[in-house]
Amino acid sequence: MLIESRTPGTPSTPGVALRPWCADDLAELVQAYRDPVLRRWTRFPVTTTAEARRWLDGALRDWADGRRYSFAVLEEQADGARLVGNVVLKGVTPERPAPEVGYWTASWARGRGVAPRAVTALSRWAFDRFPGLTRLDLLHQVDNEASCRVAQKSGFVFQEVLPARPPFPLDGHRHSLAAG
């Protein structure tokens, strides 16, 4: 697989824009992570301003090393754009058969199609930016029915059940999206 980056661009789709995270997102990041549902499904919850700074610093480092690309998901509202989620492309390396797409949606944005639109925009961006990619994977724990619906709405096809592995206590689903 050829993992060579083209011009980054900024992914978007109607009603949702993606951009790299920045220091100005600190307060909204902390606010989003106050949601217990979000904390349940994430590996590194953000509960303090210091943890949010570390999270944002990590997102910037990830961009710099070229293996993980996290985007703030913004939705245009009457008073300007509001942070409504995160999408990430993980594991962009020649050794990995398919990078993984991950995401979360802030509680105030759930149920409006934000996650499928953001995942679709990220997927298009990934295939454009890395022309050697042949597929993307989206993984989630079997009891996360909302993530199963997001995968399906984003065009990802169920492939298999994966055995549980730490830190996730239950089996998982692997969905894939082929290039083209």
N, C-alpha and C. Protein backbone atom coordinates (compact mmCIF):
# COMPACT_ATOMS: atom_id res chain seq x y z
N MET A 1 0.85 -1.17 0.00
CA MET A 1 0.00 0.00 0.00
C MET A 1 0.89 1.23 0.00
N LEU A 2 0.59 2.16 -0.87
CA LEU A 2 1.33 3.42 -0.95
C LEU A 2 0.72 4.40 0.03
N ILE A 3 1.51 4.87 0.97
CA ILE A 3 1.04 5.86 1.93
C ILE A 3 1.82 7.14 1.68
N GLU A 4 1.37 7.88 0.70
CA GLU A 4 2.02 9.14 0.36
C GLU A 4 0.95 10.21 0.41
N SER A 5 1.25 11.27 1.06
CA SER A 5 0.26 12.32 1.28
C SER A 5 0.21 13.30 0.12
N ARG A 6 -1.02 13.63 -0.31
CA ARG A 6 -1.24 14.74 -1.24
C ARG A 6 -1.50 15.99 -0.41
N THR A 7 -1.89 17.06 -1.04
CA THR A 7 -2.24 18.29 -0.34
C THR A 7 -3.35 18.03 0.67
N PRO A 8 -3.22 18.54 1.90
CA PRO A 8 -4.17 18.19 2.94
C PRO A 8 -5.62 18.54 2.66
N GLY A 9 -5.95 19.76 2.26
CA GLY A 9 -7.34 20.14 2.07
C GLY A 9 -8.11 20.10 3.38
N THR A 10 -9.31 20.58 3.35
CA THR A 10 -10.16 20.55 4.53
C THR A 10 -11.44 19.83 4.15
N PRO A 11 -11.72 18.69 4.75
CA PRO A 11 -12.93 17.95 4.40
C PRO A 11 -14.18 18.68 4.86
N SER A 12 -15.23 18.54 4.06
CA SER A 12 -16.52 19.07 4.46
C SER A 12 -17.62 18.35 3.69
N THR A 13 -18.80 18.52 4.16
CA THR A 13 -19.99 17.98 3.53
C THR A 13 -21.12 18.93 3.94
N PRO A 14 -22.25 18.91 3.27
CA PRO A 14 -23.30 19.88 3.62
C PRO A 14 -23.60 19.92 5.13
N GLY A 15 -23.47 21.11 5.70
CA GLY A 15 -23.80 21.33 7.10
C GLY A 15 -22.71 21.02 8.09
N VAL A 16 -21.61 20.40 7.63
CA VAL A 16 -20.54 20.00 8.54
C VAL A 16 -19.19 20.30 7.89
N ALA A 17 -18.31 20.92 8.67
CA ALA A 17 -16.95 21.18 8.21
C ALA A 17 -15.97 20.56 9.19
N LEU A 18 -14.87 20.06 8.67
CA LEU A 18 -13.82 19.47 9.50
C LEU A 18 -12.58 20.34 9.39
N ARG A 19 -11.88 20.48 10.53
CA ARG A 19 -10.60 21.19 10.52
C ARG A 19 -9.74 20.63 11.63
N PRO A 20 -8.42 20.75 11.49
CA PRO A 20 -7.56 20.29 12.57
C PRO A 20 -7.90 21.00 13.88
N TRP A 21 -7.74 20.29 14.98
CA TRP A 21 -7.98 20.86 16.30
C TRP A 21 -6.99 21.98 16.56
N CYS A 22 -7.38 22.95 17.41
CA CYS A 22 -6.48 24.04 17.78
C CYS A 22 -6.71 24.42 19.24
N ALA A 23 -5.83 25.24 19.77
CA ALA A 23 -5.89 25.64 21.18
C ALA A 23 -7.20 26.34 21.53
N ASP A 24 -7.82 27.01 20.57
CA ASP A 24 -9.09 27.70 20.82
C ASP A 24 -10.23 26.73 21.12
N ASP A 25 -10.04 25.46 20.88
CA ASP A 25 -11.09 24.45 21.10
C ASP A 25 -11.12 23.92 22.53
N LEU A 26 -10.22 24.38 23.37
CA LEU A 26 -10.05 23.82 24.71
C LEU A 26 -11.35 23.78 25.52
N ALA A 27 -12.03 24.89 25.64
CA ALA A 27 -13.24 24.95 26.48
C ALA A 27 -14.34 24.04 25.93
N GLU A 28 -14.53 24.05 24.61
CA GLU A 28 -15.58 23.20 24.03
C GLU A 28 -15.23 21.72 24.15
N LEU A 29 -13.96 21.40 24.09
CA LEU A 29 -13.54 20.01 24.27
C LEU A 29 -13.88 19.53 25.67
N VAL A 30 -13.55 20.32 26.67
CA VAL A 30 -13.88 19.97 28.06
C VAL A 30 -15.39 19.83 28.22
N GLN A 31 -16.14 20.75 27.64
CA GLN A 31 -17.61 20.69 27.73
C GLN A 31 -18.15 19.42 27.08
N ALA A 32 -17.64 19.04 25.93
CA ALA A 32 -18.11 17.83 25.25
C ALA A 32 -17.85 16.59 26.10
N TYR A 33 -16.71 16.55 26.74
CA TYR A 33 -16.34 15.37 27.54
C TYR A 33 -17.06 15.29 28.89
N ARG A 34 -17.86 16.27 29.22
CA ARG A 34 -18.67 16.17 30.45
C ARG A 34 -19.76 15.12 30.30
N ASP A 35 -20.02 14.70 29.11
CA ASP A 35 -21.07 13.73 28.79
C ASP A 35 -20.63 12.32 29.18
N PRO A 36 -21.34 11.65 30.08
CA PRO A 36 -20.96 10.29 30.49
C PRO A 36 -21.03 9.27 29.35
N VAL A 37 -21.91 9.48 28.39
CA VAL A 37 -21.99 8.56 27.25
C VAL A 37 -20.70 8.65 26.43
N LEU A 38 -20.24 9.85 26.18
CA LEU A 38 -18.98 10.02 25.45
C LEU A 38 -17.82 9.38 26.21
N ARG A 39 -17.75 9.64 27.51
CA ARG A 39 -16.66 9.07 28.31
C ARG A 39 -16.70 7.54 28.31
N ARG A 40 -17.88 6.96 28.22
CA ARG A 40 -17.99 5.50 28.23
C ARG A 40 -17.28 4.88 27.02
N TRP A 41 -17.35 5.52 25.88
CA TRP A 41 -16.84 4.91 24.65
C TRP A 41 -15.44 5.39 24.27
N THR A 42 -14.85 6.29 25.00
CA THR A 42 -13.52 6.78 24.63
C THR A 42 -12.46 6.21 25.56
N ARG A 43 -11.28 6.03 25.02
CA ARG A 43 -10.18 5.43 25.78
C ARG A 43 -9.48 6.43 26.69
N PHE A 44 -9.46 7.69 26.31
CA PHE A 44 -8.74 8.71 27.07
C PHE A 44 -9.68 9.87 27.38
N PRO A 45 -10.53 9.71 28.37
CA PRO A 45 -11.48 10.78 28.68
C PRO A 45 -10.78 12.05 29.16
N VAL A 46 -11.40 13.16 28.84
CA VAL A 46 -10.90 14.47 29.22
C VAL A 46 -11.82 14.99 30.33
N THR A 47 -11.27 15.14 31.53
CA THR A 47 -12.10 15.61 32.65
C THR A 47 -11.63 16.94 33.22
N THR A 48 -10.44 17.38 32.84
CA THR A 48 -9.91 18.65 33.35
C THR A 48 -9.33 19.46 32.19
N THR A 49 -9.09 20.72 32.45
CA THR A 49 -8.47 21.58 31.44
C THR A 49 -7.07 21.08 31.10
N ALA A 50 -6.33 20.60 32.10
CA ALA A 50 -4.98 20.07 31.85
C ALA A 50 -5.04 18.85 30.94
N GLU A 51 -6.00 17.96 31.17
CA GLU A 51 -6.15 16.78 30.29
C GLU A 51 -6.55 17.21 28.88
N ALA A 52 -7.38 18.24 28.77
CA ALA A 52 -7.77 18.74 27.45
C ALA A 52 -6.56 19.31 26.71
N ARG A 53 -5.70 20.02 27.43
CA ARG A 53 -4.47 20.54 26.80
C ARG A 53 -3.60 19.40 26.30
N ARG A 54 -3.44 18.35 27.12
CA ARG A 54 -2.65 17.18 26.69
C ARG A 54 -3.28 16.52 25.47
N TRP A 55 -4.60 16.41 25.47
CA TRP A 55 -5.32 15.81 24.34
C TRP A 55 -5.07 16.62 23.08
N LEU A 56 -5.22 17.95 23.18
CA LEU A 56 -4.99 18.81 22.02
C LEU A 56 -3.52 18.77 21.57
N ASP A 57 -2.59 18.78 22.52
CA ASP A 57 -1.17 18.66 22.16
C ASP A 57 -0.91 17.34 21.44
N GLY A 58 -1.53 16.28 21.92
CA GLY A 58 -1.38 14.98 21.27
C GLY A 58 -1.92 14.99 19.85
N ALA A 59 -3.05 15.64 19.65
CA ALA A 59 -3.63 15.73 18.30
C ALA A 59 -2.68 16.47 17.36
N LEU A 60 -2.04 17.53 17.85
CA LEU A 60 -1.08 18.27 17.03
C LEU A 60 0.16 17.43 16.72
N ARG A 61 0.66 16.70 17.73
CA ARG A 61 1.81 15.81 17.50
C ARG A 61 1.46 14.73 16.48
N ASP A 62 0.25 14.18 16.61
CA ASP A 62 -0.18 13.14 15.67
C ASP A 62 -0.16 13.64 14.23
N TRP A 63 -0.64 14.87 14.01
CA TRP A 63 -0.59 15.44 12.67
C TRP A 63 0.85 15.54 12.20
N ALA A 64 1.74 15.97 13.09
CA ALA A 64 3.14 16.18 12.72
C ALA A 64 3.82 14.87 12.33
N ASP A 65 3.47 13.76 13.01
CA ASP A 65 4.13 12.50 12.65
C ASP A 65 3.46 11.79 11.48
N GLY A 66 2.29 12.26 11.07
CA GLY A 66 1.67 11.75 9.85
C GLY A 66 1.03 10.38 9.95
N ARG A 67 0.72 9.93 11.15
CA ARG A 67 0.10 8.60 11.29
C ARG A 67 -1.34 8.67 11.80
N ARG A 68 -1.74 9.84 12.28
CA ARG A 68 -3.07 9.99 12.87
C ARG A 68 -3.52 11.43 12.62
N TYR A 69 -4.74 11.56 12.10
CA TYR A 69 -5.26 12.87 11.74
C TYR A 69 -6.62 13.08 12.41
N SER A 70 -6.65 13.94 13.42
CA SER A 70 -7.88 14.24 14.14
C SER A 70 -8.44 15.57 13.65
N PHE A 71 -9.74 15.59 13.44
CA PHE A 71 -10.43 16.80 12.99
C PHE A 71 -11.52 17.18 13.98
N ALA A 72 -11.60 18.45 14.29
CA ALA A 72 -12.77 18.98 14.99
C ALA A 72 -13.89 19.03 13.97
N VAL A 73 -15.07 18.59 14.36
CA VAL A 73 -16.25 18.64 13.50
C VAL A 73 -17.06 19.86 13.91
N LEU A 74 -17.32 20.73 12.96
CA LEU A 74 -18.04 21.97 13.23
C LEU A 74 -19.34 22.00 12.44
N GLU A 75 -20.37 22.53 13.07
CA GLU A 75 -21.66 22.68 12.41
C GLU A 75 -22.01 24.15 12.41
N GLU A 76 -22.38 24.66 11.25
CA GLU A 76 -22.76 26.07 11.14
C GLU A 76 -24.09 26.29 11.82
N GLN A 77 -24.13 27.31 12.68
CA GLN A 77 -25.35 27.67 13.39
C GLN A 77 -25.57 29.17 13.22
N ALA A 78 -26.71 29.65 13.65
CA ALA A 78 -27.05 31.06 13.47
C ALA A 78 -25.99 32.00 14.03
N ASP A 79 -25.37 31.63 15.14
CA ASP A 79 -24.38 32.49 15.78
C ASP A 79 -22.94 32.08 15.46
N GLY A 80 -22.74 31.31 14.40
CA GLY A 80 -21.40 30.87 14.00
C GLY A 80 -21.26 29.37 14.07
N ALA A 81 -20.07 28.89 13.85
CA ALA A 81 -19.81 27.44 13.88
C ALA A 81 -19.66 26.96 15.31
N ARG A 82 -20.19 25.77 15.59
CA ARG A 82 -20.08 25.18 16.93
C ARG A 82 -19.44 23.80 16.81
N LEU A 83 -18.58 23.49 17.75
CA LEU A 83 -17.97 22.17 17.82
C LEU A 83 -19.05 21.14 18.12
N VAL A 84 -19.13 20.10 17.29
CA VAL A 84 -20.14 19.07 17.50
C VAL A 84 -19.55 17.66 17.54
N GLY A 85 -18.23 17.55 17.33
CA GLY A 85 -17.65 16.22 17.37
C GLY A 85 -16.19 16.17 16.95
N ASN A 86 -15.75 14.95 16.76
CA ASN A 86 -14.37 14.64 16.39
C ASN A 86 -14.40 13.46 15.43
N VAL A 87 -13.58 13.51 14.40
CA VAL A 87 -13.33 12.34 13.56
C VAL A 87 -11.83 12.20 13.44
N VAL A 88 -11.38 10.96 13.32
CA VAL A 88 -9.95 10.70 13.29
C VAL A 88 -9.64 9.56 12.33
N LEU A 89 -8.54 9.70 11.62
CA LEU A 89 -7.99 8.64 10.79
C LEU A 89 -6.74 8.15 11.51
N LYS A 90 -6.76 6.87 11.93
CA LYS A 90 -5.68 6.32 12.77
C LYS A 90 -4.90 5.26 12.00
N GLY A 91 -3.62 5.21 12.26
CA GLY A 91 -2.80 4.12 11.73
C GLY A 91 -2.48 4.22 10.26
N VAL A 92 -2.12 5.39 9.81
CA VAL A 92 -1.75 5.56 8.40
C VAL A 92 -0.28 5.19 8.27
N THR A 93 -0.04 3.90 8.10
CA THR A 93 1.33 3.39 7.95
C THR A 93 1.35 2.31 6.86
N PRO A 94 2.49 2.13 6.21
CA PRO A 94 2.58 1.08 5.19
C PRO A 94 2.36 -0.33 5.76
N GLU A 95 2.62 -0.51 7.07
CA GLU A 95 2.50 -1.84 7.68
C GLU A 95 1.05 -2.23 7.97
N ARG A 96 0.16 -1.28 7.99
CA ARG A 96 -1.23 -1.56 8.37
C ARG A 96 -2.07 -1.73 7.11
N PRO A 97 -2.84 -2.79 7.03
CA PRO A 97 -3.62 -3.02 5.81
C PRO A 97 -4.69 -1.97 5.55
N ALA A 98 -5.26 -1.41 6.61
CA ALA A 98 -6.28 -0.38 6.44
C ALA A 98 -6.28 0.54 7.65
N PRO A 99 -6.15 1.84 7.42
CA PRO A 99 -6.28 2.76 8.55
C PRO A 99 -7.68 2.66 9.15
N GLU A 100 -7.78 3.07 10.40
CA GLU A 100 -9.06 3.01 11.11
C GLU A 100 -9.67 4.40 11.23
N VAL A 101 -10.97 4.47 11.03
CA VAL A 101 -11.73 5.69 11.22
C VAL A 101 -12.38 5.62 12.59
N GLY A 102 -12.26 6.69 13.35
CA GLY A 102 -12.91 6.79 14.65
C GLY A 102 -13.65 8.11 14.73
N TYR A 103 -14.53 8.22 15.69
CA TYR A 103 -15.28 9.46 15.83
C TYR A 103 -15.95 9.50 17.20
N TRP A 104 -16.38 10.69 17.58
CA TRP A 104 -17.34 10.86 18.65
C TRP A 104 -18.17 12.09 18.33
N THR A 105 -19.37 12.13 18.90
CA THR A 105 -20.28 13.24 18.69
C THR A 105 -20.66 13.82 20.05
N ALA A 106 -20.64 15.13 20.15
CA ALA A 106 -21.05 15.80 21.39
C ALA A 106 -22.53 15.53 21.64
N SER A 107 -22.92 15.48 22.90
CA SER A 107 -24.30 15.14 23.26
C SER A 107 -25.31 16.07 22.60
N TRP A 108 -24.97 17.34 22.46
CA TRP A 108 -25.91 18.31 21.90
C TRP A 108 -26.08 18.15 20.39
N ALA A 109 -25.31 17.28 19.76
CA ALA A 109 -25.39 17.13 18.31
C ALA A 109 -25.88 15.74 17.89
N ARG A 110 -26.15 14.88 18.82
CA ARG A 110 -26.54 13.51 18.46
C ARG A 110 -27.95 13.46 17.88
N GLY A 111 -28.14 12.47 17.01
CA GLY A 111 -29.45 12.23 16.43
C GLY A 111 -29.80 13.12 15.25
N ARG A 112 -28.82 13.87 14.73
CA ARG A 112 -29.07 14.76 13.60
C ARG A 112 -28.23 14.41 12.38
N GLY A 113 -27.58 13.26 12.40
CA GLY A 113 -26.79 12.84 11.25
C GLY A 113 -25.41 13.45 11.17
N VAL A 114 -24.96 14.07 12.25
CA VAL A 114 -23.63 14.70 12.25
C VAL A 114 -22.54 13.64 12.05
N ALA A 115 -22.58 12.55 12.82
CA ALA A 115 -21.51 11.55 12.75
C ALA A 115 -21.40 10.92 11.35
N PRO A 116 -22.49 10.45 10.73
CA PRO A 116 -22.33 9.88 9.39
C PRO A 116 -21.79 10.89 8.37
N ARG A 117 -22.24 12.14 8.46
CA ARG A 117 -21.73 13.14 7.52
C ARG A 117 -20.24 13.39 7.74
N ALA A 118 -19.81 13.46 9.01
CA ALA A 118 -18.40 13.70 9.30
C ALA A 118 -17.54 12.51 8.90
N VAL A 119 -18.01 11.29 9.19
CA VAL A 119 -17.25 10.08 8.81
C VAL A 119 -17.14 9.99 7.29
N THR A 120 -18.20 10.32 6.58
CA THR A 120 -18.17 10.30 5.11
C THR A 120 -17.18 11.33 4.57
N ALA A 121 -17.19 12.53 5.13
CA ALA A 121 -16.24 13.56 4.69
C ALA A 121 -14.80 13.13 4.97
N LEU A 122 -14.55 12.57 6.16
CA LEU A 122 -13.21 12.10 6.49
C LEU A 122 -12.78 10.98 5.55
N SER A 123 -13.67 10.06 5.24
CA SER A 123 -13.34 8.94 4.36
C SER A 123 -12.96 9.43 2.96
N ARG A 124 -13.74 10.36 2.42
CA ARG A 124 -13.40 10.93 1.10
C ARG A 124 -12.03 11.60 1.15
N TRP A 125 -11.78 12.36 2.23
CA TRP A 125 -10.50 13.04 2.39
C TRP A 125 -9.36 12.02 2.44
N ALA A 126 -9.55 10.94 3.20
CA ALA A 126 -8.49 9.93 3.34
C ALA A 126 -8.14 9.30 2.00
N PHE A 127 -9.15 8.93 1.22
CA PHE A 127 -8.87 8.31 -0.08
C PHE A 127 -8.24 9.31 -1.05
N ASP A 128 -8.61 10.59 -0.96
CA ASP A 128 -7.99 11.61 -1.81
C ASP A 128 -6.56 11.89 -1.39
N ARG A 129 -6.34 12.00 -0.09
CA ARG A 129 -5.01 12.37 0.41
C ARG A 129 -4.00 11.24 0.29
N PHE A 130 -4.46 10.00 0.45
CA PHE A 130 -3.57 8.84 0.41
C PHE A 130 -4.03 7.92 -0.72
N PRO A 131 -3.58 8.18 -1.94
CA PRO A 131 -4.10 7.45 -3.11
C PRO A 131 -3.84 5.95 -3.09
N GLY A 132 -2.92 5.47 -2.28
CA GLY A 132 -2.65 4.03 -2.21
C GLY A 132 -3.60 3.26 -1.32
N LEU A 133 -4.45 3.96 -0.57
CA LEU A 133 -5.39 3.26 0.32
C LEU A 133 -6.40 2.48 -0.50
N THR A 134 -6.66 1.26 -0.07
CA THR A 134 -7.69 0.46 -0.74
C THR A 134 -8.94 0.32 0.12
N ARG A 135 -8.80 0.50 1.45
CA ARG A 135 -9.97 0.42 2.30
C ARG A 135 -9.71 1.13 3.62
N LEU A 136 -10.79 1.44 4.31
CA LEU A 136 -10.77 1.98 5.66
C LEU A 136 -11.59 1.06 6.54
N ASP A 137 -11.21 0.96 7.81
CA ASP A 137 -11.96 0.16 8.78
C ASP A 137 -12.57 1.08 9.83
N LEU A 138 -13.73 0.70 10.32
CA LEU A 138 -14.37 1.35 11.45
C LEU A 138 -14.69 0.25 12.45
N LEU A 139 -14.14 0.36 13.65
CA LEU A 139 -14.30 -0.66 14.69
C LEU A 139 -15.15 -0.10 15.82
N HIS A 140 -15.96 -0.97 16.41
CA HIS A 140 -16.71 -0.56 17.59
C HIS A 140 -17.07 -1.80 18.40
N GLN A 141 -17.33 -1.60 19.66
CA GLN A 141 -17.73 -2.68 20.55
C GLN A 141 -19.14 -3.16 20.15
N VAL A 142 -19.43 -4.46 20.29
CA VAL A 142 -20.71 -5.01 19.82
C VAL A 142 -21.93 -4.36 20.44
N ASP A 143 -21.81 -3.86 21.65
CA ASP A 143 -22.98 -3.26 22.30
C ASP A 143 -23.15 -1.78 21.96
N ASN A 144 -22.34 -1.25 21.07
CA ASN A 144 -22.46 0.15 20.66
C ASN A 144 -23.29 0.21 19.37
N GLU A 145 -24.60 0.10 19.54
CA GLU A 145 -25.51 0.06 18.39
C GLU A 145 -25.49 1.35 17.59
N ALA A 146 -25.30 2.48 18.27
CA ALA A 146 -25.25 3.76 17.55
C ALA A 146 -24.07 3.78 16.57
N SER A 147 -22.92 3.24 16.98
CA SER A 147 -21.77 3.20 16.07
C SER A 147 -22.01 2.26 14.91
N CYS A 148 -22.75 1.21 15.13
CA CYS A 148 -23.10 0.30 14.04
C CYS A 148 -23.94 1.05 12.99
N ARG A 149 -24.90 1.85 13.45
CA ARG A 149 -25.73 2.63 12.53
C ARG A 149 -24.91 3.68 11.79
N VAL A 150 -23.98 4.33 12.50
CA VAL A 150 -23.12 5.33 11.84
C VAL A 150 -22.30 4.66 10.75
N ALA A 151 -21.72 3.51 11.04
CA ALA A 151 -20.93 2.78 10.04
C ALA A 151 -21.77 2.50 8.80
N GLN A 152 -22.97 1.98 9.00
CA GLN A 152 -23.85 1.64 7.88
C GLN A 152 -24.23 2.88 7.08
N LYS A 153 -24.62 3.95 7.77
CA LYS A 153 -25.03 5.19 7.08
C LYS A 153 -23.87 5.83 6.33
N SER A 154 -22.64 5.54 6.75
CA SER A 154 -21.45 6.10 6.11
C SER A 154 -20.92 5.22 4.98
N GLY A 155 -21.62 4.12 4.70
CA GLY A 155 -21.22 3.25 3.61
C GLY A 155 -20.28 2.12 3.99
N PHE A 156 -19.95 1.99 5.27
CA PHE A 156 -19.08 0.91 5.73
C PHE A 156 -19.90 -0.38 5.82
N VAL A 157 -19.33 -1.47 5.36
CA VAL A 157 -20.02 -2.76 5.33
C VAL A 157 -19.48 -3.65 6.45
N PHE A 158 -20.38 -4.29 7.19
CA PHE A 158 -19.97 -5.20 8.26
C PHE A 158 -19.12 -6.32 7.67
N GLN A 159 -17.96 -6.61 8.32
CA GLN A 159 -17.05 -7.64 7.85
C GLN A 159 -16.95 -8.82 8.79
N GLU A 160 -16.81 -8.53 10.10
CA GLU A 160 -16.57 -9.63 11.04
C GLU A 160 -16.72 -9.18 12.48
N VAL A 161 -16.85 -10.18 13.35
CA VAL A 161 -16.81 -9.95 14.79
C VAL A 161 -15.37 -10.17 15.23
N LEU A 162 -14.84 -9.24 16.00
CA LEU A 162 -13.47 -9.34 16.50
C LEU A 162 -13.50 -9.71 17.98
N PRO A 163 -12.57 -10.53 18.43
CA PRO A 163 -12.55 -10.88 19.86
C PRO A 163 -12.19 -9.67 20.72
N ALA A 164 -12.70 -9.66 21.94
CA ALA A 164 -12.40 -8.58 22.88
C ALA A 164 -10.91 -8.49 23.12
N ARG A 165 -10.44 -7.26 23.31
CA ARG A 165 -9.04 -7.04 23.69
C ARG A 165 -8.97 -5.75 24.48
N PRO A 166 -8.11 -5.72 25.48
CA PRO A 166 -8.02 -4.54 26.35
C PRO A 166 -7.75 -3.29 25.52
N PRO A 167 -8.36 -2.20 25.90
CA PRO A 167 -9.13 -1.96 27.12
C PRO A 167 -10.63 -2.25 26.96
N PHE A 168 -11.04 -2.84 25.84
CA PHE A 168 -12.46 -3.07 25.58
C PHE A 168 -12.85 -4.47 26.04
N PRO A 169 -13.85 -4.56 26.93
CA PRO A 169 -14.19 -5.84 27.56
C PRO A 169 -15.04 -6.77 26.70
N LEU A 170 -15.65 -6.26 25.63
CA LEU A 170 -16.53 -7.08 24.80
C LEU A 170 -15.98 -7.22 23.39
N ASP A 171 -16.51 -8.20 22.66
CA ASP A 171 -16.15 -8.36 21.27
C ASP A 171 -16.48 -7.07 20.51
N GLY A 172 -15.96 -6.98 19.29
CA GLY A 172 -16.20 -5.80 18.49
C GLY A 172 -16.66 -6.16 17.08
N HIS A 173 -17.09 -5.16 16.36
CA HIS A 173 -17.42 -5.29 14.94
C HIS A 173 -16.38 -4.56 14.12
N ARG A 174 -16.05 -5.13 12.98
CA ARG A 174 -15.21 -4.43 12.00
C ARG A 174 -16.07 -4.20 10.76
N HIS A 175 -16.20 -2.92 10.41
CA HIS A 175 -16.87 -2.51 9.17
C HIS A 175 -15.79 -1.95 8.25
N SER A 176 -15.95 -2.14 6.94
CA SER A 176 -14.96 -1.61 6.00
C SER A 176 -15.61 -0.83 4.89
N LEU A 177 -14.84 0.12 4.36
CA LEU A 177 -15.25 0.92 3.22
C LEU A 177 -14.14 0.80 2.19
N ALA A 178 -14.46 0.33 1.01
CA ALA A 178 -13.48 0.17 -0.04
C ALA A 178 -13.31 1.47 -0.82
N ALA A 179 -12.10 1.69 -1.33
CA ALA A 179 -11.84 2.86 -2.16
C ALA A 179 -12.65 2.77 -3.43
N GLY A 180 -12.95 3.93 -3.99
CA GLY A 180 -13.57 3.96 -5.29
C GLY A 180 -15.01 4.12 -5.26
